[in-house]
Amino acid sequence: ETCIMNASYLTKTKTDAALAVSKLIHEKPLDDDLLVLQAMDIYETSFPLCDSNNSGQDDVTFECNGKRVIEMALSLPDDFTLEYQPGDSLGIIVSNTPQAVQFILNMLQDKHGIKPTQKISIDSNQPVTVEEAVRDFIDLCSPLKNKRILHSLSQFTTNVQESNALRLLASKTPDGEELFKNLVDEQRMTVVDVLKAFPSCQSIPLEALIGMLPSIPPRYYSVSSSPLDPRHGALSLTVAFSVVDYLTPSLQVDGNEIGCRRIGGVATRFLEVLCSGFLSGTMKSPPPTKLKIFPKPSADFELPSSLSTPLILIGPGTGIAPFIGFLRHRQAQLQQSQQTATSMVEGTWRGDYELEADDLPVSNRDAPIVLPQRRLGKISVFFGCRRSNHDWLFQEEMEKFQQNGIITDLYTAFSREEPKQYVQDV
């Protein structure tokens, strides 16, 4: 388990919503689903994605509202059981959203009389409550990609028309493929959405639901820090992530709009809520809610061992995060090298007699005499985003790296500015 140690927006995002949420959840563990929903509602209201409520905001503002990127610092075990290197990723174990869990619990109780506190055994493991199984063991919130789930649901549907519709959606016919693309895939429908749209299949037994659905996949985030960086060291690390928040395409059915659904990330929206105190600048200590994490070491994505090896780093958007970790690591390596050189020069043995200050002057410039030259290879960074005044992530740090000689060449591209450019165009 880990605690959030710090967090900040990398985008030019206003923090009014974070301040309101931090006041709402102040020093409260987020095991209260209603509290989480209230906090998420504050963010949704504060960051509208369209003008449905006559907010008076323009399209650029709506676009920026949906583009929020956070860098989050997490604690690591003080017994060094979790170590990392630049290029590694961090896995975070998440639960289903409170809305999805409550819908399934209500469905099971209404259709089968199954209470949330009832104990069940999954895969012959230790018994858990139905609520725990629904919250943590089956994936209710990922967009449906597997048509076999739709076919399985059709077998429990009591309405003939709904059963035929589900079978069509699950089929490989041209009509079925087109309908699946427009209704399920582009609208990012989950199994909960399907159960709501086809209510006669809500009679599905709990054991069938558990057997049909996959487990909740962990969310992976690239590490953006270095274990050599004195700001973090071996007891914390940072990751950067975009808060998933967008609208699906418009979809008209019989003159009614069933598209333009607001989709939020299961993990990232919850993390934004947890980070609210730090985002607003009001929190000085970690929130009480813990996160479950595990390392995902990278076998091929790592820095060359030699500092003189030239690098070309291409990272649009949050893809720049692991490369920021590379650059921070390079800077820390150089600083360590300079400190080692200095200590070796200052520690040169002078025998058992004393020297006057002017007899043998020694300075940091004498370090190359003692150590081989540690020449830093050329590093070219290519970064792209939409707008330089909103989502140029790590802008100040990149510019400082360039000033300090860590970055040799910095190339940027902005797809919503003139001239319109993408990273591949630079």
Foldseek 3Di string as FASTA:
>chain_A
DKFWQFKAWLWPDDQPLLVVLCVQCPQHAPPDLVNLVVSLVSLCVVQPLDCPVVPVDDNVSSVLSQWIKMKIKIWADPVLPAFAAQPWKKWFAFWFHPVQLVVLQVLCCVQPVFHQQDWDDDPNDDIDGNSCCNTFFFDFQFQDDQLVLLLLLLVQAPDPVLSVLSVLCSDPDPSNVVCVVVPGVLQSDGVSNSCVVRVRSSNDHPVSRSVSGGGDGIDMFGWQAGLLQPVAHSTMTMTMDTWRWAFGDWDADPNDTPGRDIDTDRPRSSVSSLNSCNHNVNDNGTHPYDIDMHIGYDDPRHDDPAQADEEEAEAEFSRCRSVSNVLNNSVSVVVVLLVVLQVCQVPDDDPDDDDDCPPDPTDSVCSCVVPPDRDGHAYEYQYEEADPNTRPGCVVVVVVCCVVVSHVHYHYAHQNDPVHDDSVRD
